[in-house]
Amino acid sequence: MRIHPYILLTMAMLFFSGNFIVGKAFEGVVPPFTLALFRFVSALVFLLPLCYKTVMLNHPLWKKEWKPLLGLSICGIVLFNGCLYLSVNYTTSINAAIVDALTPTVAAILGFILLKESLTKLQLIGIGLSFAGILYIIGRGSLGVLLSLSFNIGDIIMLIGIIFWALYSIIIKQHNHKFPSVASLVVTMFIGILFLLPMSAIEWYLYGFPNIFNWNVLLGIAYIGIFPSALALLAWYKGVAAIGPARASIFFNLVPIFTTILAIIFLGEIFSYHQLLGGVVVLIGVYFSTKK
């Protein structure tokens, strides 16, 4: 049965949204880098059988292109996910998802700085709107909070995280044509796991090894390993192949919407007016900032 690409892309965004919910649910249960480690070990177990031969046959390619693969692993696997899971220890999953929606705008700015890509007046307006919306959310709708610089540290950590994800996106844009998609994802996960192991070991030394041997934790780890890390990406690749990256990227605007709904249902989070207004401004700004 052939699934319509719009359904595939919507499912991918729903699975991505669940990542914020599980991260928040594991606050104080599993440390952030340990959670990232378990996530990608779980994803590797799921994905490797699908592309084992491709991974092995392309060994010379991985060796030749180790620099972009290392960049993808450090930015996209290690640092972004570490920031995401750390941020939701201090802020709501709704805030984290709205800040995450700023990624295309940050990517446009980094593209201008690093790749000398041009920015139109409309894109500059969009960038300004996006950051105004984020400042409104981080300041909780209060100018006094902004002026006193008493920001929520979780929102700032998430903002740092999307800088790493934007760098990851730029590396993909430059080098992705060289690699078989799923196999290269598996390779970057494996490299990322090698970096996450010592970082997780530090967390185990400081906080003790987390109690993962209960059904709730194991199911949560299985979810973030299989759904946002594997099935969502497979659905994303198929959707992009069908309708193109420009049209597909619009679906990422669904992530803060799905995350808000899931956070209200499963975490009991409250959706405030400043999140609604700031989120709308961010999404409008993202639309303009990515429009050529």
C-alpha atoms as a PDB file:
ATOM      1  CA  MET A   1       0.000   0.000   0.000  1.00  0.00           C
ATOM      2  CA  ARG A   2       1.428   3.379  -1.045  1.00  0.00           C
ATOM      3  CA  ILE A   3       1.092   6.091   1.607  1.00  0.00           C
ATOM      4  CA  HIS A   4       0.576   9.671   0.439  1.00  0.00           C
ATOM      5  CA  PRO A   5       3.714  11.799   1.075  1.00  0.00           C
ATOM      6  CA  TYR A   6       1.711  14.375   3.054  1.00  0.00           C
ATOM      7  CA  ILE A   7       0.648  11.627   5.468  1.00  0.00           C
ATOM      8  CA  LEU A   8       4.247  10.383   5.719  1.00  0.00           C
ATOM      9  CA  LEU A   9       5.539  13.862   6.510  1.00  0.00           C
ATOM     10  CA  THR A  10       2.781  14.534   9.047  1.00  0.00           C
ATOM     11  CA  MET A  11       3.572  11.226  10.777  1.00  0.00           C
ATOM     12  CA  ALA A  12       7.271  12.153  10.830  1.00  0.00           C
ATOM     13  CA  MET A  13       6.499  15.465  12.555  1.00  0.00           C
ATOM     14  CA  LEU A  14       4.265  13.709  15.098  1.00  0.00           C
ATOM     15  CA  PHE A  15       7.071  11.266  15.915  1.00  0.00           C
ATOM     16  CA  PHE A  16       9.597  14.119  16.211  1.00  0.00           C
ATOM     17  CA  SER A  17       7.233  15.874  18.616  1.00  0.00           C
ATOM     18  CA  GLY A  18       7.127  12.832  20.870  1.00  0.00           C
ATOM     19  CA  ASN A  19      10.867  13.237  21.425  1.00  0.00           C
ATOM     20  CA  PHE A  20      10.247  16.448  23.413  1.00  0.00           C
ATOM     21  CA  ILE A  21       7.574  14.727  25.508  1.00  0.00           C
ATOM     22  CA  VAL A  22       9.755  11.739  26.424  1.00  0.00           C
ATOM     23  CA  GLY A  23      12.697  14.029  27.164  1.00  0.00           C
ATOM     24  CA  LYS A  24      10.568  16.038  29.583  1.00  0.00           C
ATOM     25  CA  ALA A  25       9.025  12.905  31.117  1.00  0.00           C
ATOM     26  CA  PHE A  26      12.533  11.594  31.906  1.00  0.00           C
ATOM     27  CA  GLU A  27      13.535  14.775  33.754  1.00  0.00           C
ATOM     28  CA  GLY A  28      15.430  13.687  36.862  1.00  0.00           C
ATOM     29  CA  VAL A  29      15.204  10.027  35.789  1.00  0.00           C
ATOM     30  CA  VAL A  30      17.752   9.704  32.972  1.00  0.00           C
ATOM     31  CA  PRO A  31      20.498  12.368  32.522  1.00  0.00           C
ATOM     32  CA  PRO A  32      20.508  14.149  29.123  1.00  0.00           C
ATOM     33  CA  PHE A  33      23.596  12.660  27.460  1.00  0.00           C
ATOM     34  CA  THR A  34      22.755   9.218  28.823  1.00  0.00           C
ATOM     35  CA  LEU A  35      19.274   9.530  27.316  1.00  0.00           C
ATOM     36  CA  ALA A  36      20.822  10.536  23.977  1.00  0.00           C
ATOM     37  CA  LEU A  37      23.148   7.513  24.209  1.00  0.00           C
ATOM     38  CA  PHE A  38      20.302   5.082  24.881  1.00  0.00           C
ATOM     39  CA  ARG A  39      18.258   6.700  22.118  1.00  0.00           C
ATOM     40  CA  PHE A  40      20.843   6.129  19.415  1.00  0.00           C
ATOM     41  CA  VAL A  41      21.858   2.675  20.596  1.00  0.00           C
ATOM     42  CA  SER A  42      18.178   1.744  20.302  1.00  0.00           C
ATOM     43  CA  ALA A  43      17.946   3.404  16.874  1.00  0.00           C
ATOM     44  CA  LEU A  44      21.109   1.645  15.698  1.00  0.00           C
ATOM     45  CA  VAL A  45      19.718  -1.746  16.687  1.00  0.00           C
ATOM     46  CA  PHE A  46      16.583  -0.966  14.661  1.00  0.00           C
ATOM     47  CA  LEU A  47      18.212   0.564  11.558  1.00  0.00           C
ATOM     48  CA  LEU A  48      21.426  -1.423  11.110  1.00  0.00           C
ATOM     49  CA  PRO A  49      19.732  -4.616   9.806  1.00  0.00           C
ATOM     50  CA  LEU A  50      18.073  -2.476   7.085  1.00  0.00           C
ATOM     51  CA  CYS A  51      21.352  -1.220   5.648  1.00  0.00           C
ATOM     52  CA  TYR A  52      24.169  -3.436   6.955  1.00  0.00           C
ATOM     53  CA  LYS A  53      25.396  -4.416   3.482  1.00  0.00           C
ATOM     54  CA  THR A  54      25.367  -0.799   2.290  1.00  0.00           C
ATOM     55  CA  VAL A  55      27.337   0.297   5.355  1.00  0.00           C
ATOM     56  CA  MET A  56      29.995  -2.371   4.792  1.00  0.00           C
ATOM     57  CA  LEU A  57      30.257  -1.877   1.022  1.00  0.00           C
ATOM     58  CA  ASN A  58      30.825   1.863   1.445  1.00  0.00           C
ATOM     59  CA  HIS A  59      33.689   1.565   3.916  1.00  0.00           C
ATOM     60  CA  PRO A  60      36.103   3.428   1.554  1.00  0.00           C
ATOM     61  CA  LEU A  61      33.571   6.277   1.287  1.00  0.00           C
ATOM     62  CA  TRP A  62      33.234   6.627   5.072  1.00  0.00           C
ATOM     63  CA  LYS A  63      37.017   6.672   5.411  1.00  0.00           C
ATOM     64  CA  LYS A  64      37.421   9.296   2.687  1.00  0.00           C
ATOM     65  CA  GLU A  65      34.614  11.560   3.935  1.00  0.00           C
ATOM     66  CA  TRP A  66      35.305  11.239   7.664  1.00  0.00           C
ATOM     67  CA  LYS A  67      35.351  14.997   8.268  1.00  0.00           C
ATOM     68  CA  PRO A  68      31.715  15.750   7.287  1.00  0.00           C
ATOM     69  CA  LEU A  69      30.593  12.529   8.987  1.00  0.00           C
ATOM     70  CA  LEU A  70      32.347  13.638  12.180  1.00  0.00           C
ATOM     71  CA  GLY A  71      30.725  17.076  11.911  1.00  0.00           C
ATOM     72  CA  LEU A  72      27.291  15.537  11.417  1.00  0.00           C
ATOM     73  CA  SER A  73      27.794  13.259  14.409  1.00  0.00           C
ATOM     74  CA  ILE A  74      29.058  15.918  16.821  1.00  0.00           C
ATOM     75  CA  CYS A  75      26.538  18.616  15.825  1.00  0.00           C
ATOM     76  CA  GLY A  76      23.430  16.546  15.056  1.00  0.00           C
ATOM     77  CA  ILE A  77      23.760  13.454  17.238  1.00  0.00           C
ATOM     78  CA  VAL A  78      25.752  14.556  20.308  1.00  0.00           C
ATOM     79  CA  LEU A  79      25.398  18.292  20.957  1.00  0.00           C
ATOM     80  CA  PHE A  80      21.898  18.993  19.629  1.00  0.00           C
ATOM     81  CA  ASN A  81      20.322  16.075  21.474  1.00  0.00           C
ATOM     82  CA  GLY A  82      22.322  16.748  24.634  1.00  0.00           C
ATOM     83  CA  CYS A  83      21.059  20.351  24.589  1.00  0.00           C
ATOM     84  CA  LEU A  84      17.485  19.274  23.853  1.00  0.00           C
ATOM     85  CA  TYR A  85      17.298  16.791  26.731  1.00  0.00           C
ATOM     86  CA  LEU A  86      19.124  19.162  29.081  1.00  0.00           C
ATOM     87  CA  SER A  87      16.852  22.081  28.178  1.00  0.00           C
ATOM     88  CA  VAL A  88      13.625  20.285  29.091  1.00  0.00           C
ATOM     89  CA  ASN A  89      14.994  19.800  32.601  1.00  0.00           C
ATOM     90  CA  TYR A  90      14.550  23.560  33.028  1.00  0.00           C
ATOM     91  CA  THR A  91      11.801  24.605  30.618  1.00  0.00           C
ATOM     92  CA  THR A  92       8.562  23.179  29.272  1.00  0.00           C
ATOM     93  CA  SER A  93       8.515  20.880  26.269  1.00  0.00           C
ATOM     94  CA  ILE A  94       6.202  23.433  24.601  1.00  0.00           C
ATOM     95  CA  ASN A  95       8.820  26.188  24.942  1.00  0.00           C
ATOM     96  CA  ALA A  96      11.584  23.879  23.718  1.00  0.00           C
ATOM     97  CA  ALA A  97       9.587  22.913  20.624  1.00  0.00           C
ATOM     98  CA  ILE A  98       8.749  26.541  19.778  1.00  0.00           C
ATOM     99  CA  VAL A  99      12.406  27.550  20.139  1.00  0.00           C
ATOM    100  CA  ASP A 100      13.326  24.537  17.989  1.00  0.00           C
ATOM    101  CA  ALA A 101      11.044  25.922  15.249  1.00  0.00           C
ATOM    102  CA  LEU A 102      13.577  28.733  14.866  1.00  0.00           C
ATOM    103  CA  THR A 103      16.075  26.304  13.261  1.00  0.00           C
ATOM    104  CA  PRO A 104      15.435  27.277   9.582  1.00  0.00           C
ATOM    105  CA  THR A 105      15.953  30.949  10.472  1.00  0.00           C
ATOM    106  CA  VAL A 106      19.246  30.201  12.243  1.00  0.00           C
ATOM    107  CA  ALA A 107      20.283  28.046   9.270  1.00  0.00           C
ATOM    108  CA  ALA A 108      19.596  30.993   6.936  1.00  0.00           C
ATOM    109  CA  ILE A 109      21.793  33.257   9.089  1.00  0.00           C
ATOM    110  CA  LEU A 110      24.623  30.704   9.234  1.00  0.00           C
ATOM    111  CA  GLY A 111      24.295  30.147   5.487  1.00  0.00           C
ATOM    112  CA  PHE A 112      24.798  33.871   4.999  1.00  0.00           C
ATOM    113  CA  ILE A 113      27.836  33.920   7.329  1.00  0.00           C
ATOM    114  CA  LEU A 114      29.528  30.639   6.386  1.00  0.00           C
ATOM    115  CA  LEU A 115      28.435  30.003   2.796  1.00  0.00           C
ATOM    116  CA  LYS A 116      28.041  33.625   1.645  1.00  0.00           C
ATOM    117  CA  GLU A 117      24.429  32.945   0.649  1.00  0.00           C
ATOM    118  CA  SER A 118      22.408  36.067  -0.042  1.00  0.00           C
ATOM    119  CA  LEU A 119      19.459  37.187   2.072  1.00  0.00           C
ATOM    120  CA  THR A 120      16.517  39.071   0.604  1.00  0.00           C
ATOM    121  CA  LYS A 121      14.719  41.910   2.387  1.00  0.00           C
ATOM    122  CA  LEU A 122      11.788  39.572   3.020  1.00  0.00           C
ATOM    123  CA  GLN A 123      14.125  37.032   4.635  1.00  0.00           C
ATOM    124  CA  LEU A 124      15.642  39.726   6.851  1.00  0.00           C
ATOM    125  CA  ILE A 125      12.150  40.738   7.959  1.00  0.00           C
ATOM    126  CA  GLY A 126      11.393  37.077   8.685  1.00  0.00           C
ATOM    127  CA  ILE A 127      14.585  36.716  10.727  1.00  0.00           C
ATOM    128  CA  GLY A 128      13.660  39.782  12.762  1.00  0.00           C
ATOM    129  CA  LEU A 129      10.137  38.484  13.371  1.00  0.00           C
ATOM    130  CA  SER A 130      11.390  35.019  14.371  1.00  0.00           C
ATOM    131  CA  PHE A 131      13.776  36.358  16.972  1.00  0.00           C
ATOM    132  CA  ALA A 132      11.192  38.848  18.248  1.00  0.00           C
ATOM    133  CA  GLY A 133       8.793  35.937  18.803  1.00  0.00           C
ATOM    134  CA  ILE A 134      11.455  33.895  20.602  1.00  0.00           C
ATOM    135  CA  LEU A 135      12.413  36.845  22.823  1.00  0.00           C
ATOM    136  CA  TYR A 136       8.736  37.304  23.673  1.00  0.00           C
ATOM    137  CA  ILE A 137       8.481  33.635  24.699  1.00  0.00           C
ATOM    138  CA  ILE A 138      11.791  33.593  26.599  1.00  0.00           C
ATOM    139  CA  GLY A 139      10.747  36.792  28.396  1.00  0.00           C
ATOM    140  CA  ARG A 140       7.381  35.177  29.224  1.00  0.00           C
ATOM    141  CA  GLY A 141       5.615  38.101  27.582  1.00  0.00           C
ATOM    142  CA  SER A 142       7.219  40.639  29.926  1.00  0.00           C
ATOM    143  CA  LEU A 143       9.567  43.436  28.904  1.00  0.00           C
ATOM    144  CA  GLY A 144      10.730  43.566  32.525  1.00  0.00           C
ATOM    145  CA  VAL A 145      12.000  39.985  32.356  1.00  0.00           C
ATOM    146  CA  LEU A 146      13.954  40.803  29.197  1.00  0.00           C
ATOM    147  CA  LEU A 147      15.474  43.954  30.665  1.00  0.00           C
ATOM    148  CA  SER A 148      16.443  42.166  33.887  1.00  0.00           C
ATOM    149  CA  LEU A 149      18.002  39.320  31.827  1.00  0.00           C
ATOM    150  CA  SER A 150      16.271  36.778  34.092  1.00  0.00           C
ATOM    151  CA  PHE A 151      15.709  34.296  31.292  1.00  0.00           C
ATOM    152  CA  ASN A 152      14.763  30.658  31.662  1.00  0.00           C
ATOM    153  CA  ILE A 153      18.090  28.838  31.262  1.00  0.00           C
ATOM    154  CA  GLY A 154      16.297  25.945  29.547  1.00  0.00           C
ATOM    155  CA  ASP A 155      15.176  28.202  26.682  1.00  0.00           C
ATOM    156  CA  ILE A 156      18.756  29.473  26.247  1.00  0.00           C
ATOM    157  CA  ILE A 157      20.143  25.906  26.193  1.00  0.00           C
ATOM    158  CA  MET A 158      17.584  24.979  23.525  1.00  0.00           C
ATOM    159  CA  LEU A 159      18.602  28.057  21.533  1.00  0.00           C
ATOM    160  CA  ILE A 160      22.238  26.872  21.670  1.00  0.00           C
ATOM    161  CA  GLY A 161      21.054  23.426  20.596  1.00  0.00           C
ATOM    162  CA  ILE A 162      19.379  24.709  17.438  1.00  0.00           C
ATOM    163  CA  ILE A 163      22.611  26.457  16.452  1.00  0.00           C
ATOM    164  CA  PHE A 164      24.216  23.003  16.429  1.00  0.00           C
ATOM    165  CA  TRP A 165      21.261  21.619  14.450  1.00  0.00           C
ATOM    166  CA  ALA A 166      21.540  24.466  11.949  1.00  0.00           C
ATOM    167  CA  LEU A 167      25.237  23.627  11.507  1.00  0.00           C
ATOM    168  CA  TYR A 168      24.201  20.000  11.027  1.00  0.00           C
ATOM    169  CA  SER A 169      21.739  21.134   8.331  1.00  0.00           C
ATOM    170  CA  ILE A 170      24.437  23.126   6.532  1.00  0.00           C
ATOM    171  CA  ILE A 171      26.801  20.127   6.512  1.00  0.00           C
ATOM    172  CA  ILE A 172      23.982  17.973   5.117  1.00  0.00           C
ATOM    173  CA  LYS A 173      23.294  20.555   2.425  1.00  0.00           C
ATOM    174  CA  GLN A 174      26.943  20.486   1.326  1.00  0.00           C
ATOM    175  CA  HIS A 175      27.712  16.767   1.610  1.00  0.00           C
ATOM    176  CA  ASN A 176      24.512  14.705   1.684  1.00  0.00           C
ATOM    177  CA  HIS A 177      24.639  13.994  -2.072  1.00  0.00           C
ATOM    178  CA  LYS A 178      27.758  11.885  -1.465  1.00  0.00           C
ATOM    179  CA  PHE A 179      26.131   9.406   0.895  1.00  0.00           C
ATOM    180  CA  PRO A 180      23.435   6.707   0.801  1.00  0.00           C
ATOM    181  CA  SER A 181      20.903   8.260   3.183  1.00  0.00           C
ATOM    182  CA  VAL A 182      19.992   5.564   5.726  1.00  0.00           C
ATOM    183  CA  ALA A 183      23.487   4.026   5.780  1.00  0.00           C
ATOM    184  CA  SER A 184      25.127   7.406   6.403  1.00  0.00           C
ATOM    185  CA  LEU A 185      22.637   8.074   9.211  1.00  0.00           C
ATOM    186  CA  VAL A 186      23.650   4.778  10.827  1.00  0.00           C
ATOM    187  CA  VAL A 187      27.348   5.657  10.499  1.00  0.00           C
ATOM    188  CA  THR A 188      26.843   9.088  12.096  1.00  0.00           C
ATOM    189  CA  MET A 189      24.869   7.456  14.910  1.00  0.00           C
ATOM    190  CA  PHE A 190      27.702   5.000  15.537  1.00  0.00           C
ATOM    191  CA  ILE A 191      30.271   7.818  15.654  1.00  0.00           C
ATOM    192  CA  GLY A 192      27.948   9.829  17.907  1.00  0.00           C
ATOM    193  CA  ILE A 193      27.624   6.894  20.300  1.00  0.00           C
ATOM    194  CA  LEU A 194      31.422   6.788  20.644  1.00  0.00           C
ATOM    195  CA  PHE A 195      31.359  10.419  21.809  1.00  0.00           C
ATOM    196  CA  LEU A 196      28.263   9.988  23.980  1.00  0.00           C
ATOM    197  CA  LEU A 197      29.765   7.062  25.925  1.00  0.00           C
ATOM    198  CA  PRO A 198      32.408   9.046  27.867  1.00  0.00           C
ATOM    199  CA  MET A 199      29.974  11.952  28.381  1.00  0.00           C
ATOM    200  CA  SER A 200      27.402   9.529  29.789  1.00  0.00           C
ATOM    201  CA  ALA A 201      30.080   7.904  31.967  1.00  0.00           C
ATOM    202  CA  ILE A 202      30.679  11.309  33.576  1.00  0.00           C
ATOM    203  CA  GLU A 203      26.943  11.570  34.314  1.00  0.00           C
ATOM    204  CA  TRP A 204      26.972   8.068  35.847  1.00  0.00           C
ATOM    205  CA  TYR A 205      29.923   9.056  38.047  1.00  0.00           C
ATOM    206  CA  LEU A 206      28.175  12.241  39.193  1.00  0.00           C
ATOM    207  CA  TYR A 207      24.585  10.996  39.529  1.00  0.00           C
ATOM    208  CA  GLY A 208      24.819   7.206  39.513  1.00  0.00           C
ATOM    209  CA  PHE A 209      23.631   4.861  36.785  1.00  0.00           C
ATOM    210  CA  PRO A 210      19.949   5.551  36.037  1.00  0.00           C
ATOM    211  CA  ASN A 211      17.314   2.996  36.892  1.00  0.00           C
ATOM    212  CA  ILE A 212      16.334   2.036  33.349  1.00  0.00           C
ATOM    213  CA  PHE A 213      15.143  -1.467  34.125  1.00  0.00           C
ATOM    214  CA  ASN A 214      11.440  -0.746  34.416  1.00  0.00           C
ATOM    215  CA  TRP A 215       8.828  -0.829  31.697  1.00  0.00           C
ATOM    216  CA  ASN A 216       8.116   2.914  31.556  1.00  0.00           C
ATOM    217  CA  VAL A 217      11.764   3.830  30.998  1.00  0.00           C
ATOM    218  CA  LEU A 218      12.410   0.981  28.568  1.00  0.00           C
ATOM    219  CA  LEU A 219       9.326   1.866  26.524  1.00  0.00           C
ATOM    220  CA  GLY A 220      10.345   5.533  26.480  1.00  0.00           C
ATOM    221  CA  ILE A 221      13.839   4.666  25.246  1.00  0.00           C
ATOM    222  CA  ALA A 222      12.382   2.303  22.645  1.00  0.00           C
ATOM    223  CA  TYR A 223      10.050   5.072  21.481  1.00  0.00           C
ATOM    224  CA  ILE A 224      12.751   7.722  20.973  1.00  0.00           C
ATOM    225  CA  GLY A 225      15.009   5.136  19.348  1.00  0.00           C
ATOM    226  CA  ILE A 226      12.443   3.762  16.906  1.00  0.00           C
ATOM    227  CA  PHE A 227       9.989   6.585  16.172  1.00  0.00           C
ATOM    228  CA  PRO A 228      11.786   9.986  16.030  1.00  0.00           C
ATOM    229  CA  SER A 229      15.201   8.449  15.261  1.00  0.00           C
ATOM    230  CA  ALA A 230      14.269   5.794  12.709  1.00  0.00           C
ATOM    231  CA  LEU A 231      10.677   5.735  11.410  1.00  0.00           C
ATOM    232  CA  ALA A 232      10.356   9.534  11.310  1.00  0.00           C
ATOM    233  CA  LEU A 233      13.548   9.870   9.289  1.00  0.00           C
ATOM    234  CA  LEU A 234      12.563   7.089   6.897  1.00  0.00           C
ATOM    235  CA  ALA A 235       9.169   8.775   6.402  1.00  0.00           C
ATOM    236  CA  TRP A 236      10.934  12.127   5.955  1.00  0.00           C
ATOM    237  CA  TYR A 237      13.247  10.742   3.249  1.00  0.00           C
ATOM    238  CA  LYS A 238      10.306   9.230   1.362  1.00  0.00           C
ATOM    239  CA  GLY A 239       8.268  12.420   1.677  1.00  0.00           C
ATOM    240  CA  VAL A 240      11.134  14.616   0.468  1.00  0.00           C
ATOM    241  CA  ALA A 241      11.770  12.280  -2.462  1.00  0.00           C
ATOM    242  CA  ALA A 242       8.106  12.604  -3.456  1.00  0.00           C
ATOM    243  CA  ILE A 243       7.460  16.361  -3.147  1.00  0.00           C
ATOM    244  CA  GLY A 244      10.917  17.956  -2.782  1.00  0.00           C
ATOM    245  CA  PRO A 245      12.709  19.510   0.225  1.00  0.00           C
ATOM    246  CA  ALA A 246      11.218  23.013  -0.134  1.00  0.00           C
ATOM    247  CA  ARG A 247       7.598  21.878   0.184  1.00  0.00           C
ATOM    248  CA  ALA A 248       8.469  19.198   2.740  1.00  0.00           C
ATOM    249  CA  SER A 249      10.227  21.666   5.073  1.00  0.00           C
ATOM    250  CA  ILE A 250       6.911  23.468   5.664  1.00  0.00           C
ATOM    251  CA  PHE A 251       5.748  20.409   7.629  1.00  0.00           C
ATOM    252  CA  PHE A 252       8.296  21.162  10.370  1.00  0.00           C
ATOM    253  CA  ASN A 253       5.931  23.936  11.479  1.00  0.00           C
ATOM    254  CA  LEU A 254       3.698  21.134  12.771  1.00  0.00           C
ATOM    255  CA  VAL A 255       6.247  20.105  15.437  1.00  0.00           C
ATOM    256  CA  PRO A 256       5.460  22.871  17.988  1.00  0.00           C
ATOM    257  CA  ILE A 257       1.734  22.352  17.354  1.00  0.00           C
ATOM    258  CA  PHE A 258       1.890  18.577  17.914  1.00  0.00           C
ATOM    259  CA  THR A 259       4.239  19.020  20.885  1.00  0.00           C
ATOM    260  CA  THR A 260       1.840  21.483  22.514  1.00  0.00           C
ATOM    261  CA  ILE A 261      -1.101  19.097  22.130  1.00  0.00           C
ATOM    262  CA  LEU A 262       0.892  16.105  23.437  1.00  0.00           C
ATOM    263  CA  ALA A 263       2.349  18.122  26.345  1.00  0.00           C
ATOM    264  CA  ILE A 264      -1.112  19.239  27.457  1.00  0.00           C
ATOM    265  CA  ILE A 265      -2.485  15.675  27.221  1.00  0.00           C
ATOM    266  CA  PHE A 266       0.399  13.650  28.684  1.00  0.00           C
ATOM    267  CA  LEU A 267       2.368  16.104  30.836  1.00  0.00           C
ATOM    268  CA  GLY A 268      -0.352  18.442  32.013  1.00  0.00           C
ATOM    269  CA  GLU A 269       1.534  21.492  30.764  1.00  0.00           C
ATOM    270  CA  ILE A 270      -0.385  24.756  30.441  1.00  0.00           C
ATOM    271  CA  PHE A 271      -0.350  26.609  27.142  1.00  0.00           C
ATOM    272  CA  SER A 272      -0.147  30.341  27.873  1.00  0.00           C
ATOM    273  CA  TYR A 273      -1.034  33.357  25.773  1.00  0.00           C
ATOM    274  CA  HIS A 274       2.596  34.443  25.404  1.00  0.00           C
ATOM    275  CA  GLN A 275       3.504  31.012  23.980  1.00  0.00           C
ATOM    276  CA  LEU A 276       0.602  31.243  21.523  1.00  0.00           C
ATOM    277  CA  LEU A 277       1.396  34.773  20.352  1.00  0.00           C
ATOM    278  CA  GLY A 278       5.166  34.234  20.332  1.00  0.00           C
ATOM    279  CA  GLY A 279       4.794  30.902  18.524  1.00  0.00           C
ATOM    280  CA  VAL A 280       2.628  32.422  15.790  1.00  0.00           C
ATOM    281  CA  VAL A 281       5.160  35.244  15.277  1.00  0.00           C
ATOM    282  CA  VAL A 282       8.018  32.712  15.145  1.00  0.00           C
ATOM    283  CA  LEU A 283       6.271  30.570  12.525  1.00  0.00           C
ATOM    284  CA  ILE A 284       5.420  33.597  10.363  1.00  0.00           C
ATOM    285  CA  GLY A 285       9.018  34.745  10.647  1.00  0.00           C
ATOM    286  CA  VAL A 286      10.325  31.286   9.749  1.00  0.00           C
ATOM    287  CA  TYR A 287       8.105  31.250   6.665  1.00  0.00           C
ATOM    288  CA  PHE A 288       9.479  34.590   5.476  1.00  0.00           C
ATOM    289  CA  SER A 289      13.095  33.843   6.437  1.00  0.00           C
ATOM    290  CA  THR A 290      13.130  30.671   4.327  1.00  0.00           C
ATOM    291  CA  LYS A 291      11.304  32.152   1.347  1.00  0.00           C
ATOM    292  CA  LYS A 292      13.582  32.846  -1.616  1.00  0.00           C
END
